[in-house]
Amino acid sequence: KRRVDEFIQYGLVASKHAIENSGLELDSLDSSRIGVSIGSGI
């Protein structure tokens, strides 16, 4: 919270919610086959 801008915090929390909503069990999957692309205008 102290180190990163609030837009990053929004993205981190929204990602957490999306992953939870998906039901993914990431620890059981091949991490090299999972990527991230979250953009921002500013």
PDB file of all heavy atoms in Angstrom:
ATOM      1  N   LYS A   1       0.819  -1.207   0.000  1.00  0.00           N
ATOM      2  CA  LYS A   1       0.000   0.000   0.000  1.00  0.00           C
ATOM      3  C   LYS A   1       0.853   1.258   0.000  1.00  0.00           C
ATOM      4  O   LYS A   1       0.515   2.260  -0.640  1.00  0.00           O
ATOM      5  CB  LYS A   1      -0.931   0.003   1.214  1.00  0.00           C
ATOM      6  CG  LYS A   1      -2.028  -1.055   1.182  1.00  0.00           C
ATOM      7  CD  LYS A   1      -2.879  -0.967   2.436  1.00  0.00           C
ATOM      8  CE  LYS A   1      -3.951  -2.036   2.465  1.00  0.00           C
ATOM      9  NZ  LYS A   1      -4.783  -1.964   3.690  1.00  0.00           N
ATOM     10  N   ARG A   2       1.962   1.222   0.719  1.00  0.00           N
ATOM     11  CA  ARG A   2       2.824   2.395   0.809  1.00  0.00           C
ATOM     12  C   ARG A   2       3.670   2.588  -0.437  1.00  0.00           C
ATOM     13  O   ARG A   2       4.024   3.725  -0.781  1.00  0.00           O
ATOM     14  CB  ARG A   2       3.747   2.269   2.028  1.00  0.00           C
ATOM     15  CG  ARG A   2       3.036   2.397   3.374  1.00  0.00           C
ATOM     16  CD  ARG A   2       4.018   2.144   4.507  1.00  0.00           C
ATOM     17  NE  ARG A   2       3.410   2.326   5.831  1.00  0.00           N
ATOM     18  CZ  ARG A   2       4.004   2.029   6.963  1.00  0.00           C
ATOM     19  NH1 ARG A   2       5.241   1.538   6.961  1.00  0.00           N
ATOM     20  NH2 ARG A   2       3.381   2.222   8.118  1.00  0.00           N
ATOM     21  N   ARG A   3       3.989   1.505  -1.118  1.00  0.00           N
ATOM     22  CA  ARG A   3       4.984   1.556  -2.183  1.00  0.00           C
ATOM     23  C   ARG A   3       4.405   1.769  -3.575  1.00  0.00           C
ATOM     24  O   ARG A   3       5.121   2.246  -4.460  1.00  0.00           O
ATOM     25  CB  ARG A   3       5.812   0.272  -2.174  1.00  0.00           C
ATOM     26  CG  ARG A   3       6.710   0.142  -0.949  1.00  0.00           C
ATOM     27  CD  ARG A   3       7.404  -1.212  -0.921  1.00  0.00           C
ATOM     28  NE  ARG A   3       8.329  -1.307   0.212  1.00  0.00           N
ATOM     29  CZ  ARG A   3       9.033  -2.387   0.519  1.00  0.00           C
ATOM     30  NH1 ARG A   3       8.913  -3.489  -0.231  1.00  0.00           N
ATOM     31  NH2 ARG A   3       9.851  -2.381   1.562  1.00  0.00           N
ATOM     32  N   VAL A   4       3.156   1.393  -3.809  1.00  0.00           N
ATOM     33  CA  VAL A   4       2.641   1.444  -5.176  1.00  0.00           C
ATOM     34  C   VAL A   4       1.418   2.348  -5.279  1.00  0.00           C
ATOM     35  O   VAL A   4       0.660   2.523  -4.329  1.00  0.00           O
ATOM     36  CB  VAL A   4       2.293   0.036  -5.712  1.00  0.00           C
ATOM     37  CG1 VAL A   4       3.508  -0.872  -5.633  1.00  0.00           C
ATOM     38  CG2 VAL A   4       1.108  -0.579  -4.981  1.00  0.00           C
ATOM     39  N   ASP A   5       1.248   2.895  -6.460  1.00  0.00           N
ATOM     40  CA  ASP A   5       0.137   3.797  -6.738  1.00  0.00           C
ATOM     41  C   ASP A   5      -1.207   3.086  -6.571  1.00  0.00           C
ATOM     42  O   ASP A   5      -1.315   1.862  -6.685  1.00  0.00           O
ATOM     43  CB  ASP A   5       0.254   4.321  -8.168  1.00  0.00           C
ATOM     44  CG  ASP A   5      -0.689   5.471  -8.439  1.00  0.00           C
ATOM     45  OD1 ASP A   5      -0.315   6.623  -8.153  1.00  0.00           O
ATOM     46  OD2 ASP A   5      -1.816   5.210  -8.920  1.00  0.00           O
ATOM     47  N   GLU A   6      -2.234   3.884  -6.354  1.00  0.00           N
ATOM     48  CA  GLU A   6      -3.560   3.312  -6.115  1.00  0.00           C
ATOM     49  C   GLU A   6      -4.104   2.577  -7.334  1.00  0.00           C
ATOM     50  O   GLU A   6      -4.861   1.618  -7.203  1.00  0.00           O
ATOM     51  CB  GLU A   6      -4.533   4.412  -5.669  1.00  0.00           C
ATOM     52  CG  GLU A   6      -5.745   3.871  -4.938  1.00  0.00           C
ATOM     53  CD  GLU A   6      -6.435   4.918  -4.083  1.00  0.00           C
ATOM     54  OE1 GLU A   6      -5.782   5.913  -3.698  1.00  0.00           O
ATOM     55  OE2 GLU A   6      -7.631   4.739  -3.796  1.00  0.00           O
ATOM     56  N   PHE A   7      -3.730   2.996  -8.558  1.00  0.00           N
ATOM     57  CA  PHE A   7      -4.219   2.270  -9.726  1.00  0.00           C
ATOM     58  C   PHE A   7      -3.697   0.836  -9.720  1.00  0.00           C
ATOM     59  O   PHE A   7      -4.406  -0.094 -10.158  1.00  0.00           O
ATOM     60  CB  PHE A   7      -3.834   3.009 -11.022  1.00  0.00           C
ATOM     61  CG  PHE A   7      -2.581   2.516 -11.696  1.00  0.00           C
ATOM     62  CD1 PHE A   7      -2.625   1.551 -12.697  1.00  0.00           C
ATOM     63  CD2 PHE A   7      -1.338   3.023 -11.322  1.00  0.00           C
ATOM     64  CE1 PHE A   7      -1.472   1.103 -13.319  1.00  0.00           C
ATOM     65  CE2 PHE A   7      -0.176   2.576 -11.940  1.00  0.00           C
ATOM     66  CZ  PHE A   7      -0.240   1.613 -12.943  1.00  0.00           C
ATOM     67  N   ILE A   8      -2.482   0.627  -9.230  1.00  0.00           N
ATOM     68  CA  ILE A   8      -1.937  -0.724  -9.116  1.00  0.00           C
ATOM     69  C   ILE A   8      -2.701  -1.508  -8.055  1.00  0.00           C
ATOM     70  O   ILE A   8      -3.022  -2.688  -8.241  1.00  0.00           O
ATOM     71  CB  ILE A   8      -0.434  -0.677  -8.785  1.00  0.00           C
ATOM     72  CG1 ILE A   8       0.340  -0.039  -9.934  1.00  0.00           C
ATOM     73  CG2 ILE A   8       0.099  -2.085  -8.499  1.00  0.00           C
ATOM     74  CD1 ILE A   8       1.828   0.136  -9.662  1.00  0.00           C
ATOM     75  N   GLN A   9      -3.028  -0.853  -6.957  1.00  0.00           N
ATOM     76  CA  GLN A   9      -3.795  -1.517  -5.904  1.00  0.00           C
ATOM     77  C   GLN A   9      -5.179  -1.930  -6.409  1.00  0.00           C
ATOM     78  O   GLN A   9      -5.652  -3.030  -6.108  1.00  0.00           O
ATOM     79  CB  GLN A   9      -3.911  -0.593  -4.691  1.00  0.00           C
ATOM     80  CG  GLN A   9      -2.561  -0.273  -4.042  1.00  0.00           C
ATOM     81  CD  GLN A   9      -2.695   0.642  -2.847  1.00  0.00           C
ATOM     82  OE1 GLN A   9      -3.578   0.465  -2.005  1.00  0.00           O
ATOM     83  NE2 GLN A   9      -1.824   1.643  -2.754  1.00  0.00           N
ATOM     84  N   TYR A  10      -5.828  -1.065  -7.186  1.00  0.00           N
ATOM     85  CA  TYR A  10      -7.115  -1.429  -7.774  1.00  0.00           C
ATOM     86  C   TYR A  10      -6.967  -2.700  -8.623  1.00  0.00           C
ATOM     87  O   TYR A  10      -7.794  -3.614  -8.549  1.00  0.00           O
ATOM     88  CB  TYR A  10      -7.640  -0.312  -8.668  1.00  0.00           C
ATOM     89  CG  TYR A  10      -8.078   0.953  -7.976  1.00  0.00           C
ATOM     90  CD1 TYR A  10      -8.313   2.112  -8.709  1.00  0.00           C
ATOM     91  CD2 TYR A  10      -8.272   1.006  -6.599  1.00  0.00           C
ATOM     92  CE1 TYR A  10      -8.726   3.285  -8.101  1.00  0.00           C
ATOM     93  CE2 TYR A  10      -8.671   2.177  -5.977  1.00  0.00           C
ATOM     94  CZ  TYR A  10      -8.896   3.323  -6.737  1.00  0.00           C
ATOM     95  OH  TYR A  10      -9.309   4.484  -6.136  1.00  0.00           O
ATOM     96  N   GLY A  11      -5.912  -2.724  -9.450  1.00  0.00           N
ATOM     97  CA  GLY A  11      -5.699  -3.875 -10.327  1.00  0.00           C
ATOM     98  C   GLY A  11      -5.411  -5.153  -9.565  1.00  0.00           C
ATOM     99  O   GLY A  11      -5.887  -6.230  -9.933  1.00  0.00           O
ATOM    100  N   LEU A  12      -4.633  -5.036  -8.488  1.00  0.00           N
ATOM    101  CA  LEU A  12      -4.318  -6.212  -7.675  1.00  0.00           C
ATOM    102  C   LEU A  12      -5.566  -6.785  -7.006  1.00  0.00           C
ATOM    103  O   LEU A  12      -5.787  -8.003  -7.002  1.00  0.00           O
ATOM    104  CB  LEU A  12      -3.286  -5.842  -6.610  1.00  0.00           C
ATOM    105  CG  LEU A  12      -1.848  -5.632  -7.091  1.00  0.00           C
ATOM    106  CD1 LEU A  12      -1.002  -5.013  -5.980  1.00  0.00           C
ATOM    107  CD2 LEU A  12      -1.233  -6.949  -7.544  1.00  0.00           C
ATOM    108  N   VAL A  13      -6.405  -5.919  -6.446  1.00  0.00           N
ATOM    109  CA  VAL A  13      -7.608  -6.393  -5.760  1.00  0.00           C
ATOM    110  C   VAL A  13      -8.619  -6.951  -6.763  1.00  0.00           C
ATOM    111  O   VAL A  13      -9.239  -7.994  -6.519  1.00  0.00           O
ATOM    112  CB  VAL A  13      -8.229  -5.269  -4.909  1.00  0.00           C
ATOM    113  CG1 VAL A  13      -9.553  -5.718  -4.303  1.00  0.00           C
ATOM    114  CG2 VAL A  13      -7.257  -4.850  -3.800  1.00  0.00           C
ATOM    115  N   ALA A  14      -8.801  -6.276  -7.898  1.00  0.00           N
ATOM    116  CA  ALA A  14      -9.718  -6.783  -8.924  1.00  0.00           C
ATOM    117  C   ALA A  14      -9.241  -8.130  -9.459  1.00  0.00           C
ATOM    118  O   ALA A  14     -10.056  -9.023  -9.742  1.00  0.00           O
ATOM    119  CB  ALA A  14      -9.850  -5.773 -10.058  1.00  0.00           C
ATOM    120  N   SER A  15      -7.931  -8.308  -9.596  1.00  0.00           N
ATOM    121  CA  SER A  15      -7.376  -9.590 -10.047  1.00  0.00           C
ATOM    122  C   SER A  15      -7.656 -10.690  -9.027  1.00  0.00           C
ATOM    123  O   SER A  15      -8.017 -11.820  -9.401  1.00  0.00           O
ATOM    124  CB  SER A  15      -5.867  -9.471 -10.276  1.00  0.00           C
ATOM    125  OG  SER A  15      -5.575  -8.567 -11.314  1.00  0.00           O
ATOM    126  N   LYS A  16      -7.490 -10.365  -7.769  1.00  0.00           N
ATOM    127  CA  LYS A  16      -7.779 -11.330  -6.706  1.00  0.00           C
ATOM    128  C   LYS A  16      -9.240 -11.780  -6.783  1.00  0.00           C
ATOM    129  O   LYS A  16      -9.545 -12.977  -6.709  1.00  0.00           O
ATOM    130  CB  LYS A  16      -7.485 -10.713  -5.344  1.00  0.00           C
ATOM    131  CG  LYS A  16      -7.761 -11.616  -4.141  1.00  0.00           C
ATOM    132  CD  LYS A  16      -7.375 -10.912  -2.846  1.00  0.00           C
ATOM    133  CE  LYS A  16      -7.562 -11.830  -1.633  1.00  0.00           C
ATOM    134  NZ  LYS A  16      -9.001 -12.099  -1.378  1.00  0.00           N
ATOM    135  N   HIS A  17     -10.134 -10.813  -6.953  1.00  0.00           N
ATOM    136  CA  HIS A  17     -11.552 -11.149  -7.046  1.00  0.00           C
ATOM    137  C   HIS A  17     -11.842 -12.012  -8.280  1.00  0.00           C
ATOM    138  O   HIS A  17     -12.644 -12.952  -8.220  1.00  0.00           O
ATOM    139  CB  HIS A  17     -12.387  -9.865  -7.116  1.00  0.00           C
ATOM    140  CG  HIS A  17     -12.389  -9.082  -5.838  1.00  0.00           C
ATOM    141  ND1 HIS A  17     -12.986  -7.841  -5.712  1.00  0.00           N
ATOM    142  CD2 HIS A  17     -11.864  -9.363  -4.613  1.00  0.00           C
ATOM    143  CE1 HIS A  17     -12.835  -7.400  -4.476  1.00  0.00           C
ATOM    144  NE2 HIS A  17     -12.153  -8.295  -3.796  1.00  0.00           N
ATOM    145  N   ALA A  18     -11.211 -11.682  -9.410  1.00  0.00           N
ATOM    146  CA  ALA A  18     -11.444 -12.437 -10.641  1.00  0.00           C
ATOM    147  C   ALA A  18     -10.945 -13.873 -10.520  1.00  0.00           C
ATOM    148  O   ALA A  18     -11.610 -14.814 -10.969  1.00  0.00           O
ATOM    149  CB  ALA A  18     -10.760 -11.734 -11.816  1.00  0.00           C
ATOM    150  N   ILE A  19      -9.776 -14.042  -9.916  1.00  0.00           N
ATOM    151  CA  ILE A  19      -9.215 -15.387  -9.745  1.00  0.00           C
ATOM    152  C   ILE A  19     -10.098 -16.207  -8.805  1.00  0.00           C
ATOM    153  O   ILE A  19     -10.390 -17.380  -9.067  1.00  0.00           O
ATOM    154  CB  ILE A  19      -7.763 -15.302  -9.231  1.00  0.00           C
ATOM    155  CG1 ILE A  19      -6.862 -14.724 -10.331  1.00  0.00           C
ATOM    156  CG2 ILE A  19      -7.257 -16.677  -8.797  1.00  0.00           C
ATOM    157  CD1 ILE A  19      -5.474 -14.338  -9.847  1.00  0.00           C
ATOM    158  N   GLU A  20     -10.542 -15.583  -7.729  1.00  0.00           N
ATOM    159  CA  GLU A  20     -11.448 -16.279  -6.816  1.00  0.00           C
ATOM    160  C   GLU A  20     -12.758 -16.631  -7.511  1.00  0.00           C
ATOM    161  O   GLU A  20     -13.296 -17.734  -7.354  1.00  0.00           O
ATOM    162  CB  GLU A  20     -11.726 -15.409  -5.588  1.00  0.00           C
ATOM    163  CG  GLU A  20     -10.516 -15.248  -4.664  1.00  0.00           C
ATOM    164  CD  GLU A  20     -10.777 -14.269  -3.539  1.00  0.00           C
ATOM    165  OE1 GLU A  20     -11.811 -13.547  -3.588  1.00  0.00           O
ATOM    166  OE2 GLU A  20      -9.957 -14.213  -2.598  1.00  0.00           O
ATOM    167  N   ASN A  21     -13.274 -15.716  -8.311  1.00  0.00           N
ATOM    168  CA  ASN A  21     -14.520 -15.935  -9.041  1.00  0.00           C
ATOM    169  C   ASN A  21     -14.393 -17.069 -10.054  1.00  0.00           C
ATOM    170  O   ASN A  21     -15.362 -17.787 -10.329  1.00  0.00           O
ATOM    171  CB  ASN A  21     -14.932 -14.636  -9.740  1.00  0.00           C
ATOM    172  CG  ASN A  21     -16.229 -14.745 -10.503  1.00  0.00           C
ATOM    173  OD1 ASN A  21     -16.241 -14.766 -11.733  1.00  0.00           O
ATOM    174  ND2 ASN A  21     -17.343 -14.793  -9.783  1.00  0.00           N
ATOM    175  N   SER A  22     -13.194 -17.255 -10.593  1.00  0.00           N
ATOM    176  CA  SER A  22     -12.963 -18.290 -11.606  1.00  0.00           C
ATOM    177  C   SER A  22     -12.881 -19.692 -11.017  1.00  0.00           C
ATOM    178  O   SER A  22     -13.026 -20.684 -11.741  1.00  0.00           O
ATOM    179  CB  SER A  22     -11.669 -18.000 -12.364  1.00  0.00           C
ATOM    180  OG  SER A  22     -10.527 -18.272 -11.551  1.00  0.00           O
ATOM    181  N   GLY A  23     -12.594 -19.784  -9.719  1.00  0.00           N
ATOM    182  CA  GLY A  23     -12.421 -21.092  -9.097  1.00  0.00           C
ATOM    183  C   GLY A  23     -11.099 -21.754  -9.434  1.00  0.00           C
ATOM    184  O   GLY A  23     -10.906 -22.942  -9.155  1.00  0.00           O
ATOM    185  N   LEU A  24     -10.177 -21.016 -10.013  1.00  0.00           N
ATOM    186  CA  LEU A  24      -8.875 -21.581 -10.362  1.00  0.00           C
ATOM    187  C   LEU A  24      -8.078 -21.967  -9.117  1.00  0.00           C
ATOM    188  O   LEU A  24      -8.023 -21.205  -8.146  1.00  0.00           O
ATOM    189  CB  LEU A  24      -8.053 -20.578 -11.169  1.00  0.00           C
ATOM    190  CG  LEU A  24      -8.422 -20.374 -12.642  1.00  0.00           C
ATOM    191  CD1 LEU A  24      -7.690 -19.155 -13.191  1.00  0.00           C
ATOM    192  CD2 LEU A  24      -8.090 -21.613 -13.469  1.00  0.00           C
ATOM    193  N   GLU A  25      -7.453 -23.121  -9.154  1.00  0.00           N
ATOM    194  CA  GLU A  25      -6.506 -23.532  -8.124  1.00  0.00           C
ATOM    195  C   GLU A  25      -5.116 -23.433  -8.736  1.00  0.00           C
ATOM    196  O   GLU A  25      -4.578 -24.393  -9.286  1.00  0.00           O
ATOM    197  CB  GLU A  25      -6.826 -24.953  -7.661  1.00  0.00           C
ATOM    198  CG  GLU A  25      -8.188 -25.071  -6.984  1.00  0.00           C
ATOM    199  CD  GLU A  25      -8.490 -26.483  -6.522  1.00  0.00           C
ATOM    200  OE1 GLU A  25      -7.625 -27.362  -6.705  1.00  0.00           O
ATOM    201  OE2 GLU A  25      -9.589 -26.704  -5.979  1.00  0.00           O
ATOM    202  N   LEU A  26      -4.552 -22.245  -8.651  1.00  0.00           N
ATOM    203  CA  LEU A  26      -3.325 -21.940  -9.382  1.00  0.00           C
ATOM    204  C   LEU A  26      -2.153 -22.829  -8.982  1.00  0.00           C
ATOM    205  O   LEU A  26      -1.283 -23.137  -9.811  1.00  0.00           O
ATOM    206  CB  LEU A  26      -2.961 -20.467  -9.181  1.00  0.00           C
ATOM    207  CG  LEU A  26      -3.978 -19.459  -9.749  1.00  0.00           C
ATOM    208  CD1 LEU A  26      -3.546 -18.038  -9.405  1.00  0.00           C
ATOM    209  CD2 LEU A  26      -4.120 -19.623 -11.256  1.00  0.00           C
ATOM    210  N   ASP A  27      -2.092 -23.253  -7.743  1.00  0.00           N
ATOM    211  CA  ASP A  27      -0.969 -24.079  -7.283  1.00  0.00           C
ATOM    212  C   ASP A  27      -0.907 -25.427  -7.988  1.00  0.00           C
ATOM    213  O   ASP A  27       0.154 -26.054  -8.044  1.00  0.00           O
ATOM    214  CB  ASP A  27      -1.066 -24.304  -5.769  1.00  0.00           C
ATOM    215  CG  ASP A  27      -0.820 -23.029  -4.976  1.00  0.00           C
ATOM    216  OD1 ASP A  27      -0.233 -22.091  -5.550  1.00  0.00           O
ATOM    217  OD2 ASP A  27      -1.219 -22.972  -3.800  1.00  0.00           O
ATOM    218  N   SER A  28      -2.034 -25.859  -8.531  1.00  0.00           N
ATOM    219  CA  SER A  28      -2.079 -27.168  -9.183  1.00  0.00           C
ATOM    220  C   SER A  28      -1.868 -27.091 -10.692  1.00  0.00           C
ATOM    221  O   SER A  28      -1.898 -28.108 -11.387  1.00  0.00           O
ATOM    222  CB  SER A  28      -3.427 -27.849  -8.898  1.00  0.00           C
ATOM    223  OG  SER A  28      -4.493 -27.123  -9.501  1.00  0.00           O
ATOM    224  N   LEU A  29      -1.649 -25.868 -11.218  1.00  0.00           N
ATOM    225  CA  LEU A  29      -1.534 -25.671 -12.663  1.00  0.00           C
ATOM    226  C   LEU A  29      -0.104 -25.328 -13.069  1.00  0.00           C
ATOM    227  O   LEU A  29       0.712 -24.915 -12.246  1.00  0.00           O
ATOM    228  CB  LEU A  29      -2.482 -24.552 -13.108  1.00  0.00           C
ATOM    229  CG  LEU A  29      -3.965 -24.772 -12.807  1.00  0.00           C
ATOM    230  CD1 LEU A  29      -4.775 -23.523 -13.171  1.00  0.00           C
ATOM    231  CD2 LEU A  29      -4.498 -25.987 -13.565  1.00  0.00           C
ATOM    232  N   ASP A  30       0.188 -25.487 -14.345  1.00  0.00           N
ATOM    233  CA  ASP A  30       1.494 -25.149 -14.900  1.00  0.00           C
ATOM    234  C   ASP A  30       1.595 -23.630 -15.002  1.00  0.00           C
ATOM    235  O   ASP A  30       0.947 -23.012 -15.856  1.00  0.00           O
ATOM    236  CB  ASP A  30       1.649 -25.796 -16.276  1.00  0.00           C
ATOM    237  CG  ASP A  30       3.001 -25.510 -16.924  1.00  0.00           C
ATOM    238  OD1 ASP A  30       3.800 -24.730 -16.353  1.00  0.00           O
ATOM    239  OD2 ASP A  30       3.252 -26.051 -18.023  1.00  0.00           O
ATOM    240  N   SER A  31       2.389 -23.006 -14.145  1.00  0.00           N
ATOM    241  CA  SER A  31       2.457 -21.548 -14.084  1.00  0.00           C
ATOM    242  C   SER A  31       3.007 -20.928 -15.362  1.00  0.00           C
ATOM    243  O   SER A  31       2.753 -19.756 -15.644  1.00  0.00           O
ATOM    244  CB  SER A  31       3.304 -21.106 -12.889  1.00  0.00           C
ATOM    245  OG  SER A  31       4.654 -21.517 -13.047  1.00  0.00           O
ATOM    246  N   SER A  32       3.761 -21.704 -16.144  1.00  0.00           N
ATOM    247  CA  SER A  32       4.311 -21.165 -17.386  1.00  0.00           C
ATOM    248  C   SER A  32       3.243 -20.992 -18.455  1.00  0.00           C
ATOM    249  O   SER A  32       3.482 -20.356 -19.480  1.00  0.00           O
ATOM    250  CB  SER A  32       5.424 -22.073 -17.913  1.00  0.00           C
ATOM    251  OG  SER A  32       4.892 -23.319 -18.358  1.00  0.00           O
ATOM    252  N   ARG A  33       2.050 -21.555 -18.217  1.00  0.00           N
ATOM    253  CA  ARG A  33       0.950 -21.461 -19.171  1.00  0.00           C
ATOM    254  C   ARG A  33      -0.097 -20.434 -18.733  1.00  0.00           C
ATOM    255  O   ARG A  33      -1.191 -20.368 -19.304  1.00  0.00           O
ATOM    256  CB  ARG A  33       0.282 -22.833 -19.335  1.00  0.00           C
ATOM    257  CG  ARG A  33       1.210 -23.934 -19.811  1.00  0.00           C
ATOM    258  CD  ARG A  33       1.653 -23.705 -21.240  1.00  0.00           C
ATOM    259  NE  ARG A  33       0.523 -23.719 -22.170  1.00  0.00           N
ATOM    260  CZ  ARG A  33       0.601 -23.352 -23.443  1.00  0.00           C
ATOM    261  NH1 ARG A  33       1.761 -22.930 -23.931  1.00  0.00           N
ATOM    262  NH2 ARG A  33      -0.462 -23.401 -24.221  1.00  0.00           N
ATOM    263  N   ILE A  34       0.237 -19.621 -17.727  1.00  0.00           N
ATOM    264  CA  ILE A  34      -0.696 -18.607 -17.225  1.00  0.00           C
ATOM    265  C   ILE A  34      -0.009 -17.247 -17.284  1.00  0.00           C
ATOM    266  O   ILE A  34       1.068 -17.055 -16.723  1.00  0.00           O
ATOM    267  CB  ILE A  34      -1.128 -18.901 -15.775  1.00  0.00           C
ATOM    268  CG1 ILE A  34      -1.665 -20.330 -15.646  1.00  0.00           C
ATOM    269  CG2 ILE A  34      -2.186 -17.892 -15.320  1.00  0.00           C
ATOM    270  CD1 ILE A  34      -1.949 -20.748 -14.215  1.00  0.00           C
ATOM    271  N   GLY A  35      -0.646 -16.286 -17.963  1.00  0.00           N
ATOM    272  CA  GLY A  35      -0.047 -14.972 -18.124  1.00  0.00           C
ATOM    273  C   GLY A  35      -0.926 -13.856 -17.602  1.00  0.00           C
ATOM    274  O   GLY A  35      -2.054 -14.079 -17.153  1.00  0.00           O
ATOM    275  N   VAL A  36      -0.401 -12.632 -17.667  1.00  0.00           N
ATOM    276  CA  VAL A  36      -1.116 -11.457 -17.179  1.00  0.00           C
ATOM    277  C   VAL A  36      -0.932 -10.308 -18.171  1.00  0.00           C
ATOM    278  O   VAL A  36       0.182 -10.037 -18.621  1.00  0.00           O
ATOM    279  CB  VAL A  36      -0.596 -11.000 -15.797  1.00  0.00           C
ATOM    280  CG1 VAL A  36      -1.472  -9.872 -15.247  1.00  0.00           C
ATOM    281  CG2 VAL A  36      -0.525 -12.155 -14.815  1.00  0.00           C
ATOM    282  N   SER A  37      -2.041  -9.639 -18.499  1.00  0.00           N
ATOM    283  CA  SER A  37      -1.976  -8.423 -19.315  1.00  0.00           C
ATOM    284  C   SER A  37      -3.051  -7.459 -18.834  1.00  0.00           C
ATOM    285  O   SER A  37      -4.211  -7.565 -19.216  1.00  0.00           O
ATOM    286  CB  SER A  37      -2.176  -8.734 -20.802  1.00  0.00           C
ATOM    287  OG  SER A  37      -2.129  -7.534 -21.565  1.00  0.00           O
ATOM    288  N   ILE A  38      -2.663  -6.538 -17.963  1.00  0.00           N
ATOM    289  CA  ILE A  38      -3.576  -5.531 -17.432  1.00  0.00           C
ATOM    290  C   ILE A  38      -3.027  -4.165 -17.804  1.00  0.00           C
ATOM    291  O   ILE A  38      -1.904  -3.814 -17.440  1.00  0.00           O
ATOM    292  CB  ILE A  38      -3.714  -5.656 -15.903  1.00  0.00           C
ATOM    293  CG1 ILE A  38      -4.251  -7.047 -15.533  1.00  0.00           C
ATOM    294  CG2 ILE A  38      -4.639  -4.562 -15.351  1.00  0.00           C
ATOM    295  CD1 ILE A  38      -4.253  -7.331 -14.048  1.00  0.00           C
ATOM    296  N   GLY A  39      -3.797  -3.402 -18.553  1.00  0.00           N
ATOM    297  CA  GLY A  39      -3.328  -2.123 -19.061  1.00  0.00           C
ATOM    298  C   GLY A  39      -3.822  -0.934 -18.261  1.00  0.00           C
ATOM    299  O   GLY A  39      -4.620  -1.058 -17.330  1.00  0.00           O
ATOM    300  N   SER A  40      -3.349   0.248 -18.636  1.00  0.00           N
ATOM    301  CA  SER A  40      -3.781   1.503 -18.024  1.00  0.00           C
ATOM    302  C   SER A  40      -3.541   2.625 -19.020  1.00  0.00           C
ATOM    303  O   SER A  40      -2.583   2.576 -19.803  1.00  0.00           O
ATOM    304  CB  SER A  40      -3.012   1.773 -16.728  1.00  0.00           C
ATOM    305  OG  SER A  40      -3.445   2.973 -16.120  1.00  0.00           O
ATOM    306  N   GLY A  41      -4.416   3.612 -19.005  1.00  0.00           N
ATOM    307  CA  GLY A  41      -4.251   4.717 -19.932  1.00  0.00           C
ATOM    308  C   GLY A  41      -3.200   5.716 -19.488  1.00  0.00           C
ATOM    309  O   GLY A  41      -2.476   6.284 -20.304  1.00  0.00           O
ATOM    310  N   ILE A  42      -3.094   5.944 -18.174  1.00  0.00           N
ATOM    311  CA  ILE A  42      -2.183   6.952 -17.639  1.00  0.00           C
ATOM    312  C   ILE A  42      -1.190   6.368 -16.651  1.00  0.00           C
ATOM    313  O   ILE A  42      -0.031   6.771 -16.594  1.00  0.00           O
ATOM    314  CB  ILE A  42      -2.978   8.093 -16.973  1.00  0.00           C
ATOM    315  CG1 ILE A  42      -3.831   8.826 -18.025  1.00  0.00           C
ATOM    316  CG2 ILE A  42      -2.045   9.075 -16.285  1.00  0.00           C
ATOM    317  CD1 ILE A  42      -4.673   9.951 -17.468  1.00  0.00           C
TER     318      ILE A  42
END
